[in-house]
């Protein structure tokens, strides 16, 4: 691996304890929690009935939530550094048997997990790292048609809502609201659900800047993301995904205007750097994985009226290893950027129906 001048890269956790990491979170004790996305790409216990030209799969049934539904290979693992050397030496599964678990957030005495079609809450109010019982089903209706695009990236907003993204080739029907790609949110106290913004690319990853602006990733070439505002409608692949669901929408916003694009067309797992440990030029920079270029790039965002414009900042981490697949970036309690390397040679569709 090659890192930018003045930086260093360290291995934090790897096989056999951690495989195919998809998402990273830290708890109030500084411990790292990791989703191991081992069940990908096909959910356990379901039979495919049909697959269309866009690889959207229809299954024979809707699975029940855990623990009644089919058990998959996914798990959430707590990685703890007990001797203070900066490297976890104790690994414990908080929950296993998950089935395409694609996002998590810690809070309110437990762990929120999105496992389509459900948003679940596993309580652990005595903090013994063992769920107190079966999960609570908070929401139901997230689509399962494509494991590359399911609901993902649970992130706490500065307003106390729990935010999530959804990609392009799945549908959602939640409490009377229908949508495909977009940003959604759930309130952990009032239990309200809202579609925050509709449209975008195959979004995987979202974050907030210091003023509460949402920046989300994309799979559009020559672009690095969108500034998603509440109630906004955004560009999407209309020929593939159909019109926006509001028939009275007479326009939509495009991506953040960007110059100096580099790499492949998938920008994912991005964060607005606010960790305080990097040089000043990185404060407020957008740091994200470029999945197909096997790289981590950073991007400069500047105010542009009520929104932003951006340009290429530089390479933060690159490699010749084509298996390197950075899918999530997270700021740790030490201000470092932690990267989930999903590590898989195949990150795109090669066949009309994937053969794994």
Protein backbone atom coordinates (compact mmCIF):
# COMPACT_ATOMS: atom_id res chain seq x y z
CA UNK A 1 0.00 0.00 0.00
CA UNK A 2 1.06 3.59 -0.64
CA UNK A 3 -0.06 6.33 1.75
CA UNK A 4 0.08 10.11 1.43
CA UNK A 5 3.17 11.87 2.77
CA UNK A 6 3.07 12.28 6.53
CA UNK A 7 0.58 9.45 7.05
CA UNK A 8 0.94 5.81 8.03
CA UNK A 9 -1.36 2.82 7.69
CA UNK A 10 -1.76 0.08 10.30
CA UNK A 11 -3.63 -3.21 10.25
CA UNK A 12 -6.18 -3.21 13.07
CA UNK A 13 -8.09 -6.49 12.62
CA UNK A 14 -8.06 -9.18 9.96
CA UNK A 15 -8.78 -12.82 9.17
CA UNK A 16 -9.56 -15.16 10.81
CA UNK A 17 -11.31 -12.95 13.40
CA UNK A 18 -12.71 -10.43 10.88
CA UNK A 19 -13.73 -11.31 7.31
CA UNK A 20 -15.47 -9.20 4.67
CA UNK A 21 -16.10 -6.19 6.95
CA UNK A 22 -18.89 -3.96 5.71
CA UNK A 23 -19.44 -1.35 8.42
CA UNK A 24 -17.52 -0.03 11.44
CA UNK A 25 -18.83 1.73 14.57
CA UNK A 26 -17.28 2.69 17.91
CA UNK A 27 -19.01 2.55 21.29
CA UNK A 28 -18.59 4.87 24.29
CA UNK A 29 -15.76 2.66 25.58
CA UNK A 30 -13.75 3.07 22.38
CA UNK A 31 -14.37 -0.49 21.21
CA UNK A 32 -14.74 -1.18 17.51
CA UNK A 33 -17.86 -2.99 16.27
CA UNK A 34 -17.79 -4.60 12.82
CA UNK A 35 -20.44 -6.11 10.56
CA UNK A 36 -19.05 -9.18 8.81
CA UNK A 37 -21.07 -9.39 5.58
CA UNK A 38 -20.46 -13.09 5.02
CA UNK A 39 -23.88 -14.05 3.66
CA UNK A 40 -23.53 -11.78 0.59
CA UNK A 41 -24.80 -11.91 -2.12
CA UNK A 42 -27.79 -14.26 -1.67
CA UNK A 43 -30.02 -14.31 1.44
CA UNK A 44 -30.20 -17.63 3.25
CA UNK A 45 -33.39 -19.67 3.18
CA UNK A 46 -35.01 -17.93 0.19
CA UNK A 47 -35.48 -19.18 -3.34
CA UNK A 48 -35.10 -16.89 -6.35
CA UNK A 49 -38.22 -16.93 -8.52
CA UNK A 50 -37.03 -14.54 -11.25
CA UNK A 51 -34.18 -12.15 -12.08
CA UNK A 52 -34.64 -9.22 -14.48
CA UNK A 53 -32.09 -7.57 -16.78
CA UNK A 54 -30.96 -5.25 -13.97
CA UNK A 55 -30.30 -8.19 -11.60
CA UNK A 56 -33.34 -7.43 -9.47
CA UNK A 57 -34.35 -10.71 -7.89
CA UNK A 58 -37.82 -11.75 -6.78
CA UNK A 59 -37.83 -14.31 -3.97
CA UNK A 60 -40.44 -16.88 -3.07
CA UNK A 61 -41.37 -15.21 0.23
CA UNK A 62 -40.64 -12.48 2.73
CA UNK A 63 -38.43 -13.87 5.51
CA UNK A 64 -39.53 -13.58 9.11
CA UNK A 65 -37.36 -11.47 11.42
CA UNK A 66 -34.78 -13.08 13.71
CA UNK A 67 -34.82 -15.47 15.42
CA UNK A 68 -37.72 -17.10 13.52
CA UNK A 69 -36.41 -16.33 10.04
CA UNK A 70 -33.66 -18.19 8.19
CA UNK A 71 -30.23 -17.88 9.77
CA UNK A 72 -27.43 -16.47 7.65
CA UNK A 73 -23.68 -16.18 8.08
CA UNK A 74 -23.49 -12.47 8.95
CA UNK A 75 -22.41 -11.39 12.40
CA UNK A 76 -21.56 -8.30 14.41
CA UNK A 77 -18.26 -8.60 16.24
CA UNK A 78 -16.89 -6.46 19.08
CA UNK A 79 -13.14 -5.85 18.75
CA UNK A 80 -11.54 -4.75 22.02
CA UNK A 81 -7.99 -3.60 22.81
CA UNK A 82 -7.46 -4.83 26.37
CA UNK A 83 -3.72 -4.10 26.68
CA UNK A 84 -3.67 -0.57 25.24
CA UNK A 85 -1.33 -1.23 22.32
CA UNK A 86 -3.83 0.09 19.76
CA UNK A 87 -4.62 -3.33 18.29
CA UNK A 88 -7.70 -5.37 19.32
CA UNK A 89 -6.81 -8.62 21.07
CA UNK A 90 -10.28 -9.70 22.22
CA UNK A 91 -13.07 -10.55 19.78
CA UNK A 92 -16.65 -11.39 20.71
CA UNK A 93 -19.72 -11.79 18.52
CA UNK A 94 -22.56 -9.64 19.84
CA UNK A 95 -24.98 -11.41 17.51
CA UNK A 96 -24.57 -14.01 14.77
CA UNK A 97 -26.90 -15.77 12.35
CA UNK A 98 -27.83 -12.51 10.64
CA UNK A 99 -29.00 -12.61 7.04
CA UNK A 100 -27.70 -9.73 4.86
CA UNK A 101 -27.21 -7.31 7.76
CA UNK A 102 -26.14 -4.11 6.01
CA UNK A 103 -25.93 -1.36 8.64
CA UNK A 104 -25.70 -0.76 12.39
CA UNK A 105 -25.73 2.04 14.94
CA UNK A 106 -25.08 1.86 18.68
CA UNK A 107 -27.32 3.77 21.10
CA UNK A 108 -30.29 3.83 23.48
CA UNK A 109 -29.07 0.79 25.38
CA UNK A 110 -28.60 -1.49 22.42
CA UNK A 111 -27.78 -1.83 18.74
CA UNK A 112 -29.91 -0.82 15.75
CA UNK A 113 -29.43 -3.15 12.78
CA UNK A 114 -30.84 -2.91 9.30
CA UNK A 115 -31.40 -6.38 7.88
CA UNK A 116 -33.83 -5.99 4.97
CA UNK A 117 -36.74 -6.11 5.05
CA UNK A 118 -36.41 -4.97 8.69
CA UNK A 119 -34.94 -2.29 10.91
CA UNK A 120 -34.23 -4.13 14.17
CA UNK A 121 -33.22 -3.12 17.69
CA UNK A 122 -31.26 -5.56 19.85
CA UNK A 123 -31.47 -4.32 23.47
CA UNK A 124 -28.49 -4.72 25.80
CA UNK A 125 -29.44 -2.46 28.68
CA UNK A 126 -27.16 -4.17 31.20
CA UNK A 127 -24.17 -3.70 28.84
CA UNK A 128 -22.95 -7.29 29.11
CA UNK A 129 -22.48 -7.55 25.32
CA UNK A 130 -25.27 -10.13 25.08
CA UNK A 131 -28.68 -9.17 23.65
CA UNK A 132 -31.33 -9.05 26.38
CA UNK A 133 -33.73 -11.00 24.16
CA UNK A 134 -35.14 -11.21 20.67
CA UNK A 135 -34.84 -8.05 18.57
CA UNK A 136 -37.63 -5.50 18.36
CA UNK A 137 -38.92 -4.95 14.82
CA UNK A 138 -39.02 -1.17 14.36
CA UNK A 139 -39.70 -1.00 10.61
CA UNK A 140 -40.60 -3.46 7.88
CA UNK A 141 -40.66 -3.11 4.10
CA UNK A 142 -37.10 -2.55 2.88
CA UNK A 143 -36.47 -4.40 -0.38
CA UNK A 144 -34.25 -7.44 -0.91
CA UNK A 145 -34.01 -7.41 -4.71
CA UNK A 146 -30.27 -6.68 -4.91
CA UNK A 147 -27.66 -7.18 -2.17
CA UNK A 148 -25.51 -4.47 -3.82
CA UNK A 149 -28.16 -1.84 -3.08
CA UNK A 150 -30.10 -2.73 0.07
CA UNK A 151 -30.76 -0.26 2.90
CA UNK A 152 -27.44 0.62 4.51
CA UNK A 153 -25.20 3.06 6.39
CA UNK A 154 -27.10 3.71 9.63
CA UNK A 155 -25.81 7.05 10.93
CA UNK A 156 -26.87 9.24 13.85
CA UNK A 157 -27.83 12.74 12.79
CA UNK A 158 -27.18 15.87 14.88
CA UNK A 159 -30.96 16.14 15.35
CA UNK A 160 -31.19 12.79 17.17
CA UNK A 161 -32.75 10.92 14.23
CA UNK A 162 -31.25 7.70 12.91
CA UNK A 163 -30.50 8.11 9.19
CA UNK A 164 -30.00 5.46 6.53
CA UNK A 165 -29.42 5.22 2.80
CA UNK A 166 -30.93 2.96 0.18
CA UNK A 167 -29.42 2.09 -3.18
CA UNK A 168 -30.84 2.04 -6.66
CA UNK A 169 -32.06 -1.45 -7.53
CA UNK A 170 -34.30 -2.18 -4.56
CA UNK A 171 -37.72 -0.91 -3.55
CA UNK A 172 -39.18 0.05 -0.20
CA UNK A 173 -42.78 0.12 1.03
CA UNK A 174 -42.79 1.45 4.59
CA UNK A 175 -45.87 2.75 6.41
CA UNK A 176 -47.51 3.82 3.16
CA UNK A 177 -44.36 5.41 1.70
CA UNK A 178 -42.92 3.88 -1.46
CA UNK A 179 -39.47 4.74 -2.81
CA UNK A 180 -36.32 3.34 -4.36
CA UNK A 181 -33.01 5.11 -3.84
CA UNK A 182 -32.92 7.85 -1.25
CA UNK A 183 -32.13 8.92 2.31
CA UNK A 184 -34.57 7.93 5.08
CA UNK A 185 -34.70 8.43 8.83
CA UNK A 186 -36.26 6.97 11.99
CA UNK A 187 -36.75 8.62 15.38
CA UNK A 188 -35.80 6.29 18.27
CA UNK A 189 -38.13 7.98 20.79
CA UNK A 190 -41.24 8.94 18.79
CA UNK A 191 -40.80 5.99 16.35
CA UNK A 192 -41.60 8.23 13.38
CA UNK A 193 -40.37 7.26 9.91
CA UNK A 194 -39.70 9.75 7.10
CA UNK A 195 -38.32 9.67 3.59
CA UNK A 196 -35.78 12.48 3.97
CA UNK A 197 -34.85 12.82 0.27
CA UNK A 198 -35.54 10.75 -2.85
CA UNK A 199 -33.16 9.90 -5.68
CA UNK A 200 -29.41 9.71 -6.08
CA UNK A 201 -27.16 6.94 -7.30
CA UNK A 202 -26.63 3.52 -5.80
CA UNK A 203 -25.98 5.23 -2.49
CA UNK A 204 -23.72 3.48 0.03
CA UNK A 205 -22.56 5.82 2.77
CA UNK A 206 -23.66 9.16 4.22
CA UNK A 207 -22.31 11.65 6.74
CA UNK A 208 -23.00 15.09 8.23
CA UNK A 209 -20.78 18.15 8.20
CA UNK A 210 -20.46 20.54 11.14
CA UNK A 211 -23.60 22.41 10.03
CA UNK A 212 -25.75 19.29 9.67
CA UNK A 213 -25.59 19.00 5.87
CA UNK A 214 -25.97 15.46 4.51
CA UNK A 215 -23.34 14.31 2.00
CA UNK A 216 -24.06 10.93 0.38
CA UNK A 217 -22.09 8.74 -2.01
CA UNK A 218 -22.94 7.78 -5.58
CA UNK A 219 -22.20 5.39 -8.42
CA UNK A 220 -22.38 8.04 -11.15
CA UNK A 221 -19.13 8.46 -13.07
CA UNK A 222 -17.26 11.79 -12.82
CA UNK A 223 -19.14 12.53 -9.57
CA UNK A 224 -18.32 11.96 -5.89
CA UNK A 225 -21.62 12.60 -4.12
CA UNK A 226 -24.77 14.57 -3.51
CA UNK A 227 -25.77 17.24 -1.01
CA UNK A 228 -29.08 15.77 0.15
CA UNK A 229 -31.52 18.26 1.70
CA UNK A 230 -34.77 17.47 3.48
CA UNK A 231 -37.63 17.13 1.01
CA UNK A 232 -35.27 17.23 -1.96
CA UNK A 233 -35.58 15.20 -5.16
CA UNK A 234 -32.43 14.10 -6.96
CA UNK A 235 -31.22 12.74 -10.25
CA UNK A 236 -31.36 8.98 -10.71
CA UNK A 237 -31.31 6.48 -13.56
CA UNK A 238 -34.84 7.27 -14.70
CA UNK A 239 -34.88 4.80 -17.61
CA UNK A 240 -33.88 2.01 -15.23
CA UNK A 241 -35.66 3.01 -12.03
CA UNK A 242 -38.69 4.96 -13.22
CA UNK A 243 -39.85 8.47 -12.35
CA UNK A 244 -39.77 10.14 -8.96
CA UNK A 245 -42.72 9.03 -6.87
CA UNK A 246 -44.16 12.50 -6.36
CA UNK A 247 -46.01 13.36 -9.62
CA UNK A 248 -45.94 17.07 -8.73
CA UNK A 249 -42.15 17.23 -8.75
CA UNK A 250 -41.17 19.43 -11.69
CA UNK A 251 -37.43 19.12 -11.35
CA UNK A 252 -34.61 17.59 -9.39
CA UNK A 253 -31.15 18.40 -8.05
CA UNK A 254 -27.98 16.96 -9.57
CA UNK A 255 -24.69 15.92 -7.98
CA UNK A 256 -22.28 18.33 -6.30
CA UNK A 257 -20.43 20.07 -9.20
CA UNK A 258 -16.98 18.48 -9.25
CA UNK A 259 -13.67 18.88 -11.09
CA UNK A 260 -10.61 16.64 -11.29
CA UNK A 261 -12.44 13.33 -10.99
CA UNK A 262 -10.22 10.26 -10.72
CA UNK A 263 -10.83 6.52 -10.44
CA UNK A 264 -13.86 4.32 -11.03
CA UNK A 265 -17.49 5.36 -10.88
CA UNK A 266 -18.34 4.11 -7.34
CA UNK A 267 -17.67 6.50 -4.43
CA UNK A 268 -18.82 4.92 -1.17
CA UNK A 269 -18.49 4.88 2.61
CA UNK A 270 -17.53 8.55 2.72
CA UNK A 271 -17.09 10.77 5.77
CA UNK A 272 -16.64 14.47 6.41
CA UNK A 273 -13.38 14.54 8.34
CA UNK A 274 -13.87 16.14 11.77
CA UNK A 275 -11.45 14.03 13.79
CA UNK A 276 -8.91 16.72 14.70
CA UNK A 277 -5.82 14.54 14.17
CA UNK A 278 -5.08 15.23 10.49
CA UNK A 279 -3.39 18.37 9.10
CA UNK A 280 -5.61 21.45 8.90
CA UNK A 281 -6.24 21.11 5.17
CA UNK A 282 -8.26 17.94 5.88
CA UNK A 283 -10.74 19.62 8.23
CA UNK A 284 -14.12 19.31 6.51
CA UNK A 285 -12.68 17.27 3.63
CA UNK A 286 -14.75 14.45 2.16
CA UNK A 287 -12.79 11.19 2.52
CA UNK A 288 -14.27 8.21 0.68
CA UNK A 289 -13.49 4.87 -0.89
CA UNK A 290 -13.22 4.59 -4.64
CA UNK A 291 -14.29 0.98 -4.85
CA UNK A 292 -13.20 0.21 -8.40
CA UNK A 293 -9.89 2.09 -8.22
CA UNK A 294 -8.88 0.22 -5.02
CA UNK A 295 -8.17 3.54 -3.33
CA UNK A 296 -9.11 6.08 -0.67
CA UNK A 297 -9.29 9.63 -2.05
CA UNK A 298 -9.97 12.92 -0.32
CA UNK A 299 -11.99 15.75 -1.82
CA UNK A 300 -12.25 19.45 -1.07
CA UNK A 301 -15.80 20.77 -0.59
CA UNK A 302 -16.41 24.52 -0.87
CA UNK A 303 -19.56 26.54 -0.32
CA UNK A 304 -21.42 27.28 -3.54
CA UNK A 305 -24.48 29.39 -2.78
CA UNK A 306 -26.74 27.27 -0.60
CA UNK A 307 -24.88 24.08 -1.52
CA UNK A 308 -21.35 22.92 -2.43
CA UNK A 309 -18.86 22.46 -5.22
CA UNK A 310 -15.87 20.16 -5.01
CA UNK A 311 -12.53 19.22 -6.49
CA UNK A 312 -10.01 16.42 -6.13
CA UNK A 313 -7.82 16.82 -3.06
CA UNK A 314 -5.47 13.89 -3.41
CA UNK A 315 -4.75 10.23 -2.86
CA UNK A 316 -4.82 9.17 0.78
CA UNK A 317 -4.30 5.42 0.29
CA UNK A 318 -3.69 3.43 -2.91
CA UNK A 319 -2.63 -0.11 -3.76
CA UNK A 320 -2.02 -2.41 -6.71
CA UNK A 321 -4.04 -5.14 -4.95
CA UNK A 322 -7.23 -5.43 -7.00
CA UNK A 323 -8.94 -7.21 -4.09
CA UNK A 324 -8.78 -4.05 -1.93
CA UNK A 325 -12.40 -2.83 -1.67
CA UNK A 326 -12.84 0.07 0.79
CA UNK A 327 -16.58 0.18 1.52
CA UNK A 328 -16.75 2.16 4.77
CA UNK A 329 -14.71 4.90 6.44
CA UNK A 330 -15.19 5.83 10.09
CA UNK A 331 -13.44 8.29 12.41
CA UNK A 332 -12.18 6.55 15.53
CA UNK A 333 -11.92 8.05 19.02
CA UNK A 334 -8.23 8.74 18.31
CA UNK A 335 -9.04 10.85 15.23
CA UNK A 336 -7.71 8.23 12.82
CA UNK A 337 -9.76 7.06 9.84
CA UNK A 338 -10.70 3.39 10.08
CA UNK A 339 -11.38 1.64 6.78
CA UNK A 340 -13.48 -1.47 6.20
CA UNK A 341 -11.76 -3.38 3.39
CA UNK A 342 -14.38 -5.82 2.15
CA UNK A 343 -11.56 -7.56 0.24
CA UNK A 344 -13.18 -9.32 -2.69
CA UNK A 345 -12.05 -9.56 -6.30
CA UNK A 346 -15.60 -9.24 -7.60
CA UNK A 347 -17.28 -5.99 -6.69
CA UNK A 348 -19.24 -5.55 -9.91
CA UNK A 349 -21.67 -7.62 -11.95
CA UNK A 350 -19.77 -9.70 -14.49
CA UNK A 351 -22.54 -12.03 -15.60
CA UNK A 352 -26.22 -11.30 -16.15
CA UNK A 353 -26.75 -13.45 -13.07
CA UNK A 354 -23.86 -13.58 -10.61
CA UNK A 355 -22.14 -16.95 -10.38
CA UNK A 356 -20.13 -17.08 -7.16
